[in-house]
N, C-alpha and C. Protein backbone atom coordinates (compact mmCIF):
# COMPACT_ATOMS: atom_id res chain seq x y z
N MET A 1 9.78 -160.37 125.38
CA MET A 1 10.66 -159.69 126.13
C MET A 1 12.49 -160.06 124.56
N ASN A 2 12.90 -158.35 125.10
CA ASN A 2 14.26 -157.74 124.04
C ASN A 2 15.63 -159.23 124.77
N PRO A 3 16.36 -158.32 123.50
CA PRO A 3 17.31 -159.33 123.68
C PRO A 3 18.55 -159.36 124.87
N LEU A 4 18.63 -157.74 125.83
CA LEU A 4 18.79 -157.90 126.68
C LEU A 4 18.30 -158.00 127.95
N GLN A 5 16.71 -157.90 128.17
CA GLN A 5 16.56 -158.17 128.55
C GLN A 5 16.44 -159.80 129.57
N GLN A 6 16.10 -161.11 128.14
CA GLN A 6 16.14 -162.38 127.79
C GLN A 6 17.11 -162.24 128.51
N ARG A 7 18.50 -162.05 128.13
CA ARG A 7 19.98 -161.70 128.73
C ARG A 7 20.26 -162.11 129.94
N THR A 8 19.44 -160.61 130.72
CA THR A 8 19.42 -160.75 131.93
C THR A 8 18.71 -161.17 132.83
N ALA A 9 17.18 -161.73 132.23
CA ALA A 9 16.21 -162.18 133.39
C ALA A 9 16.95 -163.20 133.84
N GLY A 10 18.53 -163.96 133.15
CA GLY A 10 18.07 -165.79 133.22
C GLY A 10 19.63 -165.85 134.24
N ALA A 11 20.22 -164.98 134.24
CA ALA A 11 21.68 -164.41 134.91
C ALA A 11 22.24 -164.34 136.30
N GLY A 12 20.88 -164.32 136.67
CA GLY A 12 21.37 -165.90 138.01
C GLY A 12 20.44 -166.14 138.79
N ALA A 13 20.09 -166.94 140.65
CA ALA A 13 19.07 -166.80 141.16
C ALA A 13 18.54 -165.89 141.51
N GLY A 14 17.91 -165.20 140.43
CA GLY A 14 17.41 -164.18 140.67
C GLY A 14 17.87 -162.02 141.20
N THR A 15 18.50 -162.92 140.23
CA THR A 15 19.82 -161.44 141.32
C THR A 15 20.02 -160.95 139.69
N ALA A 16 19.10 -159.32 138.93
CA ALA A 16 19.87 -158.50 138.67
C ALA A 16 20.56 -158.48 138.29
N PRO A 17 21.95 -158.29 136.75
CA PRO A 17 23.52 -157.50 137.35
C PRO A 17 22.57 -155.85 137.32
N ALA A 18 23.64 -155.06 138.06
CA ALA A 18 22.99 -153.57 138.16
C ALA A 18 23.04 -153.73 136.73
N PRO A 19 22.29 -152.07 136.49
CA PRO A 19 22.17 -151.78 135.60
C PRO A 19 23.08 -150.86 134.97
N ARG A 20 23.63 -150.76 134.19
CA ARG A 20 25.32 -149.86 133.60
C ARG A 20 24.25 -148.17 132.94
N ALA A 21 25.21 -147.60 133.16
CA ALA A 21 25.23 -146.56 132.18
C ALA A 21 24.20 -146.56 131.10
N ARG A 22 23.75 -145.41 131.14
CA ARG A 22 23.26 -145.61 129.24
C ARG A 22 24.55 -144.40 128.62
N VAL A 23 24.75 -145.03 127.72
CA VAL A 23 25.39 -144.56 126.52
C VAL A 23 25.55 -144.28 125.04
N VAL A 24 25.10 -142.99 124.07
CA VAL A 24 24.86 -142.15 123.13
C VAL A 24 26.30 -142.53 122.29
N ILE A 25 24.73 -143.44 121.11
CA ILE A 25 26.60 -142.56 119.85
C ILE A 25 26.00 -141.93 118.61
N ALA A 26 27.22 -141.12 118.04
CA ALA A 26 25.91 -140.33 117.85
C ALA A 26 27.41 -139.67 116.46
N LYS A 27 27.10 -139.74 115.04
CA LYS A 27 26.89 -139.54 114.18
C LYS A 27 27.19 -138.31 113.72
N PRO A 28 27.50 -137.06 113.46
CA PRO A 28 28.23 -135.90 113.40
C PRO A 28 28.23 -135.92 111.67
N GLY A 29 28.03 -135.02 111.61
CA GLY A 29 28.58 -134.30 110.21
C GLY A 29 27.49 -135.17 108.77
N LEU A 30 28.05 -135.02 107.66
CA LEU A 30 27.76 -135.86 106.22
C LEU A 30 28.27 -136.65 106.62
N ASP A 31 29.30 -137.45 107.01
CA ASP A 31 29.79 -138.37 107.05
C ASP A 31 28.41 -139.41 106.72
N GLY A 32 28.56 -140.46 105.87
CA GLY A 32 27.82 -141.42 105.57
C GLY A 32 28.07 -142.48 105.79
N HIS A 33 29.30 -143.06 106.80
CA HIS A 33 30.09 -144.59 106.91
C HIS A 33 29.00 -144.15 108.30
N ASP A 34 29.08 -145.71 108.73
CA ASP A 34 28.71 -145.78 110.57
C ASP A 34 28.44 -147.29 110.63
N ARG A 35 29.28 -148.16 110.21
CA ARG A 35 29.39 -149.95 109.90
C ARG A 35 30.11 -149.30 111.81
N GLY A 36 31.33 -148.73 111.51
CA GLY A 36 32.00 -149.00 112.98
C GLY A 36 31.40 -148.25 113.73
N ALA A 37 31.17 -146.94 114.11
CA ALA A 37 29.19 -146.67 115.50
C ALA A 37 27.97 -148.00 115.27
N LYS A 38 28.46 -148.78 114.44
CA LYS A 38 27.26 -150.08 115.00
C LYS A 38 28.10 -150.64 115.73
N VAL A 39 29.53 -151.26 115.06
CA VAL A 39 29.71 -152.11 116.02
C VAL A 39 30.84 -151.78 117.64
N ILE A 40 30.43 -150.68 117.53
CA ILE A 40 30.83 -150.40 118.99
C ILE A 40 29.66 -150.14 120.03
N ALA A 41 28.28 -149.48 119.17
CA ALA A 41 26.68 -149.97 120.04
C ALA A 41 27.00 -150.59 120.21
N ARG A 42 26.98 -152.87 119.36
CA ARG A 42 26.53 -153.91 119.82
C ARG A 42 27.46 -154.15 120.75
N ALA A 43 28.80 -153.83 120.56
CA ALA A 43 29.89 -154.12 121.95
C ALA A 43 29.41 -153.51 123.31
N LEU A 44 28.80 -152.35 123.09
CA LEU A 44 28.98 -152.09 124.60
C LEU A 44 27.12 -152.13 124.90
N ARG A 45 26.78 -152.87 123.69
CA ARG A 45 24.76 -153.44 124.38
C ARG A 45 24.77 -154.92 124.98
N ASP A 46 26.23 -155.82 124.52
CA ASP A 46 26.63 -156.97 125.08
C ASP A 46 27.05 -156.67 126.17
N ALA A 47 27.38 -155.61 126.62
CA ALA A 47 29.22 -155.53 127.87
C ALA A 47 27.08 -154.85 128.79
N GLY A 48 25.97 -154.59 128.37
CA GLY A 48 25.41 -154.74 129.04
C GLY A 48 24.80 -153.05 129.33
N TYR A 49 25.39 -152.08 128.98
CA TYR A 49 24.80 -150.60 128.62
C TYR A 49 23.77 -150.72 127.44
N GLU A 50 22.71 -149.43 128.10
CA GLU A 50 22.29 -149.18 127.45
C GLU A 50 22.06 -148.34 126.57
N VAL A 51 22.69 -148.88 125.16
CA VAL A 51 22.50 -147.54 124.64
C VAL A 51 21.91 -147.58 123.34
N ILE A 52 21.86 -145.93 123.20
CA ILE A 52 21.39 -145.97 122.41
C ILE A 52 22.10 -144.41 120.93
N TYR A 53 21.71 -145.36 119.56
CA TYR A 53 22.05 -145.00 119.29
C TYR A 53 21.70 -143.64 118.20
N THR A 54 21.67 -142.83 117.80
CA THR A 54 21.30 -141.68 117.09
C THR A 54 21.63 -141.93 114.68
N GLY A 55 21.89 -142.28 115.10
CA GLY A 55 21.80 -142.62 113.47
C GLY A 55 22.40 -141.54 112.92
N LEU A 56 22.05 -141.70 111.11
CA LEU A 56 24.08 -140.57 110.74
C LEU A 56 23.31 -139.83 110.69
N HIS A 57 24.37 -138.14 110.06
CA HIS A 57 23.75 -136.74 109.71
C HIS A 57 23.01 -136.29 110.78
N GLN A 58 23.68 -135.99 112.18
CA GLN A 58 23.32 -135.01 113.27
C GLN A 58 23.87 -134.49 113.09
N THR A 59 23.38 -133.85 113.80
CA THR A 59 24.55 -131.96 113.68
C THR A 59 24.67 -132.21 115.26
N PRO A 60 25.47 -130.96 116.30
CA PRO A 60 25.51 -130.95 117.77
C PRO A 60 24.45 -130.95 118.44
N GLU A 61 23.78 -130.22 118.00
CA GLU A 61 22.09 -129.88 118.86
C GLU A 61 21.11 -131.31 118.45
N GLN A 62 21.53 -132.01 117.34
CA GLN A 62 20.48 -132.51 118.87
C GLN A 62 21.72 -133.68 118.12
N ILE A 63 22.81 -133.78 118.88
CA ILE A 63 23.24 -134.48 119.62
C ILE A 63 22.96 -134.14 121.38
N VAL A 64 23.21 -133.36 121.63
CA VAL A 64 22.92 -132.45 122.86
C VAL A 64 22.05 -133.22 123.26
N ALA A 65 20.55 -132.37 122.69
CA ALA A 65 19.30 -132.86 122.88
C ALA A 65 19.02 -134.43 123.21
N THR A 66 19.95 -134.55 122.57
CA THR A 66 19.60 -136.49 123.18
C THR A 66 20.06 -137.04 123.52
N VAL A 67 21.87 -136.33 123.64
CA VAL A 67 22.18 -136.73 126.06
C VAL A 67 21.21 -136.24 126.87
N ILE A 68 20.79 -135.54 126.73
CA ILE A 68 19.83 -135.18 127.57
C ILE A 68 18.49 -135.80 128.01
N ALA A 69 17.99 -135.48 126.05
CA ALA A 69 16.73 -136.14 126.65
C ALA A 69 16.93 -137.70 127.46
N GLU A 70 17.58 -138.50 126.90
CA GLU A 70 18.34 -139.89 126.78
C GLU A 70 18.88 -139.85 129.06
N ASP A 71 19.14 -138.90 129.19
CA ASP A 71 20.28 -138.22 130.43
C ASP A 71 21.26 -139.54 130.25
N ALA A 72 22.16 -139.48 129.49
CA ALA A 72 22.47 -140.55 129.42
C ALA A 72 24.15 -139.29 129.96
N PRO A 73 25.47 -140.06 129.89
CA PRO A 73 26.70 -139.18 130.93
C PRO A 73 27.77 -139.54 130.04
N ILE A 74 27.36 -140.44 128.82
CA ILE A 74 28.74 -140.75 127.94
C ILE A 74 28.25 -141.14 126.97
N LEU A 75 28.62 -139.71 125.96
CA LEU A 75 28.41 -139.62 124.39
C LEU A 75 29.87 -140.19 123.80
N GLY A 76 29.34 -141.21 122.78
CA GLY A 76 30.39 -141.24 121.97
C GLY A 76 30.49 -140.97 120.70
N LEU A 77 31.11 -139.75 119.68
CA LEU A 77 31.36 -140.24 118.94
C LEU A 77 32.47 -140.93 117.86
N SER A 78 31.44 -140.61 116.91
CA SER A 78 32.29 -141.29 115.57
C SER A 78 31.94 -140.03 114.38
N VAL A 79 33.71 -140.41 114.57
CA VAL A 79 33.41 -138.72 113.30
C VAL A 79 34.24 -139.71 112.30
N LEU A 80 34.01 -139.66 110.96
CA LEU A 80 35.76 -140.32 109.88
C LEU A 80 35.62 -139.18 108.36
N SER A 81 34.50 -138.14 108.54
CA SER A 81 34.60 -137.18 108.13
C SER A 81 36.23 -135.82 107.84
N GLY A 82 36.56 -135.70 109.26
CA GLY A 82 38.08 -135.02 108.69
C GLY A 82 37.40 -133.91 109.77
N ALA A 83 36.32 -133.98 110.04
CA ALA A 83 35.71 -132.29 111.10
C ALA A 83 35.61 -132.43 112.45
N HIS A 84 36.28 -134.08 113.40
CA HIS A 84 36.29 -133.73 115.39
C HIS A 84 36.51 -132.72 115.77
N LEU A 85 37.35 -131.86 115.14
CA LEU A 85 37.86 -130.68 116.19
C LEU A 85 36.78 -129.52 116.22
N THR A 86 36.14 -129.72 114.65
CA THR A 86 35.39 -128.23 115.08
C THR A 86 33.91 -129.36 115.83
N ILE A 87 33.33 -130.50 115.52
CA ILE A 87 32.45 -130.84 115.90
C ILE A 87 32.55 -131.09 117.76
N VAL A 88 33.84 -131.49 118.04
CA VAL A 88 33.54 -131.17 118.94
C VAL A 88 34.02 -130.79 120.65
N GLU A 89 34.39 -130.26 119.36
CA GLU A 89 34.92 -128.52 120.35
C GLU A 89 32.64 -128.23 120.89
N LYS A 90 32.75 -127.22 119.66
CA LYS A 90 30.71 -127.15 119.32
C LYS A 90 30.14 -128.17 120.59
N VAL A 91 30.14 -129.49 119.98
CA VAL A 91 29.44 -130.49 121.08
C VAL A 91 29.62 -130.07 122.95
N ILE A 92 30.87 -130.22 122.97
CA ILE A 92 31.62 -130.23 124.75
C ILE A 92 31.00 -128.19 124.99
N LYS A 93 31.22 -126.84 123.71
CA LYS A 93 30.21 -126.27 124.86
C LYS A 93 28.33 -125.80 125.02
N LEU A 94 27.79 -126.84 123.78
CA LEU A 94 26.96 -126.94 123.87
C LEU A 94 25.94 -127.90 125.46
N LEU A 95 26.74 -128.71 125.56
CA LEU A 95 26.92 -129.68 126.56
C LEU A 95 26.67 -128.75 127.58
N ALA A 96 27.23 -127.48 128.02
CA ALA A 96 28.38 -127.27 129.60
C ALA A 96 27.14 -125.47 129.03
N GLN A 97 26.21 -125.46 128.03
CA GLN A 97 25.68 -124.52 127.88
C GLN A 97 24.13 -124.89 129.04
N GLN A 98 23.98 -126.49 128.76
CA GLN A 98 22.86 -126.88 128.60
C GLN A 98 23.14 -128.05 130.40
N ASP A 99 23.96 -127.50 130.65
CA ASP A 99 24.10 -128.05 132.59
C ASP A 99 24.21 -129.06 132.15
N ALA A 100 25.11 -130.19 130.98
CA ALA A 100 25.57 -131.37 131.02
C ALA A 100 27.31 -131.66 130.86
N GLY A 101 27.77 -130.59 130.99
CA GLY A 101 29.35 -130.57 131.26
C GLY A 101 29.84 -131.67 131.43
N ASP A 102 29.25 -132.40 132.02
CA ASP A 102 29.71 -133.14 133.49
C ASP A 102 30.02 -134.03 132.29
N THR A 103 28.86 -134.36 131.42
CA THR A 103 29.10 -135.65 129.89
C THR A 103 30.55 -136.83 129.60
N ARG A 104 30.08 -137.19 130.26
CA ARG A 104 32.06 -138.25 129.47
C ARG A 104 32.38 -137.97 128.11
N ILE A 105 32.82 -137.85 127.16
CA ILE A 105 33.09 -137.74 125.73
C ILE A 105 34.01 -139.07 124.94
N LEU A 106 34.37 -139.99 124.65
CA LEU A 106 34.39 -140.32 123.37
C LEU A 106 35.00 -140.27 122.36
N VAL A 107 35.81 -140.47 121.12
CA VAL A 107 35.72 -140.14 119.48
C VAL A 107 36.33 -140.95 119.81
N GLY A 108 35.63 -141.32 117.97
CA GLY A 108 36.41 -142.31 117.44
C GLY A 108 36.73 -142.16 116.30
N GLY A 109 37.49 -142.32 115.07
CA GLY A 109 37.59 -141.95 113.39
C GLY A 109 38.94 -141.73 113.59
N ILE A 110 38.23 -141.40 112.24
CA ILE A 110 40.15 -140.74 111.94
C ILE A 110 40.89 -139.79 112.07
N ILE A 111 41.43 -139.89 113.21
CA ILE A 111 41.74 -139.04 114.40
C ILE A 111 43.40 -138.61 113.58
N PRO A 112 43.63 -137.52 113.64
CA PRO A 112 46.20 -137.70 113.19
C PRO A 112 46.36 -137.54 114.84
N ASP A 113 47.66 -137.57 115.39
CA ASP A 113 48.34 -138.34 116.65
C ASP A 113 48.27 -136.70 117.14
N ALA A 114 48.47 -135.62 116.13
CA ALA A 114 48.08 -134.61 116.81
C ALA A 114 47.08 -133.71 117.25
N ASP A 115 45.94 -134.41 116.28
CA ASP A 115 44.40 -134.13 117.39
C ASP A 115 44.15 -134.73 118.17
N VAL A 116 44.91 -135.79 118.22
CA VAL A 116 44.11 -136.67 119.47
C VAL A 116 44.52 -136.10 120.79
N ARG A 117 45.73 -135.00 120.71
CA ARG A 117 46.22 -134.23 122.27
C ARG A 117 45.35 -133.62 122.04
N ALA A 118 44.49 -132.85 120.81
CA ALA A 118 44.28 -130.81 120.92
C ALA A 118 42.82 -132.17 121.39
N LEU A 119 41.60 -133.49 121.52
CA LEU A 119 41.08 -133.70 121.63
C LEU A 119 41.08 -133.70 122.81
N GLN A 120 42.26 -134.60 123.89
CA GLN A 120 41.76 -134.67 124.95
C GLN A 120 42.32 -133.50 125.53
N ALA A 121 42.75 -132.30 125.11
CA ALA A 121 43.35 -131.13 125.76
C ALA A 121 41.56 -130.43 126.49
N MET A 122 40.94 -131.17 125.24
CA MET A 122 39.67 -129.72 124.61
C MET A 122 38.94 -130.83 126.43
N GLY A 123 38.56 -131.89 126.87
CA GLY A 123 37.86 -132.40 127.61
C GLY A 123 37.79 -134.02 127.51
N VAL A 124 38.42 -134.48 125.94
CA VAL A 124 37.56 -135.56 125.58
C VAL A 124 38.44 -137.26 126.57
N HIS A 125 37.47 -137.53 127.09
CA HIS A 125 37.72 -138.68 127.74
C HIS A 125 38.54 -140.24 127.44
N GLY A 126 38.55 -140.13 125.85
CA GLY A 126 39.25 -140.92 125.08
C GLY A 126 39.05 -140.44 123.82
N VAL A 127 40.06 -141.64 122.97
CA VAL A 127 40.63 -141.46 121.51
C VAL A 127 40.87 -142.50 121.25
N PHE A 128 40.13 -143.20 119.58
CA PHE A 128 40.02 -144.08 119.13
C PHE A 128 39.74 -143.91 117.75
N THR A 129 41.04 -144.68 117.04
CA THR A 129 41.10 -144.89 115.80
C THR A 129 40.99 -145.60 115.52
N PRO A 130 41.06 -146.37 113.58
CA PRO A 130 41.48 -147.41 113.66
C PRO A 130 42.00 -148.52 114.24
N GLY A 131 41.24 -149.71 114.11
CA GLY A 131 42.42 -150.63 114.44
C GLY A 131 42.05 -150.34 116.02
N ALA A 132 41.23 -149.27 116.84
CA ALA A 132 41.39 -149.20 118.38
C ALA A 132 40.97 -151.31 118.05
N ASP A 133 41.39 -151.50 119.55
CA ASP A 133 40.80 -152.92 120.12
C ASP A 133 39.00 -152.93 121.42
N ILE A 134 38.00 -153.23 120.59
CA ILE A 134 36.72 -153.50 121.17
C ILE A 134 37.30 -153.72 122.04
N GLY A 135 37.56 -154.61 123.01
CA GLY A 135 37.58 -154.30 124.27
C GLY A 135 38.15 -153.33 124.94
N GLY A 136 38.79 -153.12 124.33
CA GLY A 136 39.55 -151.65 125.74
C GLY A 136 38.81 -150.93 125.03
N ILE A 137 37.43 -150.43 124.32
CA ILE A 137 36.90 -149.52 124.28
C ILE A 137 35.83 -149.47 125.05
N VAL A 138 35.96 -150.89 125.31
CA VAL A 138 34.64 -151.41 126.59
C VAL A 138 35.41 -151.20 127.22
N GLU A 139 36.39 -151.52 127.83
CA GLU A 139 36.90 -151.18 129.15
C GLU A 139 37.11 -150.20 129.60
N THR A 140 36.84 -149.13 128.72
CA THR A 140 37.37 -147.02 129.16
C THR A 140 35.93 -146.91 129.35
N VAL A 141 35.06 -147.84 128.44
CA VAL A 141 33.46 -147.10 128.88
C VAL A 141 33.17 -147.70 130.41
N HIS A 142 33.77 -148.51 130.65
CA HIS A 142 34.21 -149.60 131.51
C HIS A 142 34.37 -148.21 133.10
N ARG A 143 35.74 -148.43 132.45
CA ARG A 143 36.56 -146.89 133.81
C ARG A 143 35.51 -145.65 133.77
N LEU A 144 34.65 -145.45 132.61
CA LEU A 144 34.64 -144.24 132.96
C LEU A 144 33.03 -144.07 133.31
N SER A 145 32.39 -145.19 133.43
CA SER A 145 30.34 -145.71 134.55
C SER A 145 31.43 -145.65 135.78
N ALA A 146 32.50 -146.05 135.98
CA ALA A 146 33.27 -146.59 137.38
C ALA A 146 33.24 -145.37 137.47
N SER A 147 33.65 -144.11 137.22
CA SER A 147 33.56 -143.08 137.77
C SER A 147 32.73 -142.37 137.69
N LEU A 148 31.20 -142.58 137.41
CA LEU A 148 30.65 -141.50 138.00
C LEU A 148 29.49 -142.17 138.83
N ASP A 149 30.04 -143.98 139.39
CA ASP A 149 28.95 -143.94 140.63
C ASP A 149 30.03 -143.61 141.39
N ARG A 150 31.46 -143.49 141.23
CA ARG A 150 32.03 -142.75 142.74
C ARG A 150 31.78 -141.08 143.19
N THR A 151 31.79 -140.34 141.72
CA THR A 151 31.07 -139.51 141.94
C THR A 151 30.30 -139.73 142.45
N LEU A 152 28.39 -139.92 142.18
CA LEU A 152 27.07 -140.01 142.68
C LEU A 152 27.64 -140.32 143.73
N GLU A 153 28.21 -141.25 144.28
CA GLU A 153 28.50 -142.13 145.36
C GLU A 153 28.80 -141.11 146.70
N GLN A 154 29.65 -139.78 146.13
CA GLN A 154 30.34 -138.64 146.80
C GLN A 154 28.97 -138.15 147.43
N ALA A 155 28.83 -137.26 146.02
CA ALA A 155 27.53 -136.50 145.71
C ALA A 155 26.34 -136.79 147.27
N CYS A 156 26.17 -137.79 147.91
CA CYS A 156 25.08 -138.03 148.54
C CYS A 156 24.86 -138.07 149.85
C-alpha cells in the first residue's frame, strides 16, 4: 500500500475521502532547479491530490502530452529561467489545439509584477512568486478543483 492509500485507508469509519483532481507539476526549459516544484508537489499530495511531477527539462509539447495522457485538469508550471511568458503562451496554445484549453494553469517562479499581469491576461489562474505561502497555493488548487466540480455537475 502506498503512503497515500495508507493515509486515506484509515480516514474514517469505512468512508474514504472523495478523490481530488489530478495535478501535473512541470519544469519547462533548461532550468535545473526543482526544489520548489517538489515542495509544492508534496504539499498537494499531502492535501489529497494525485500529483504527476514531470521532472526537469520538459518541452511545452511534453508537458501538454502529460496533461492529456494523465487527464489532469490542473497544471502547475515552475519557471525560474525568465522564459515564463514564452513558455506559458506556447503551453496554452498547445492545450487549446489538443482540446484541453479548459485546463487550469498555475505558474510559479521568478516573475516580475508586470509579467504577473501579462500571465493573468493570457488566462493563467494563479501566479506565485518566491515566498508565496504554500497553504495559499494549496487553497488556490482547492478553489480551482471546486470550480471544476461545479462545471462537471452543470454539464450532467
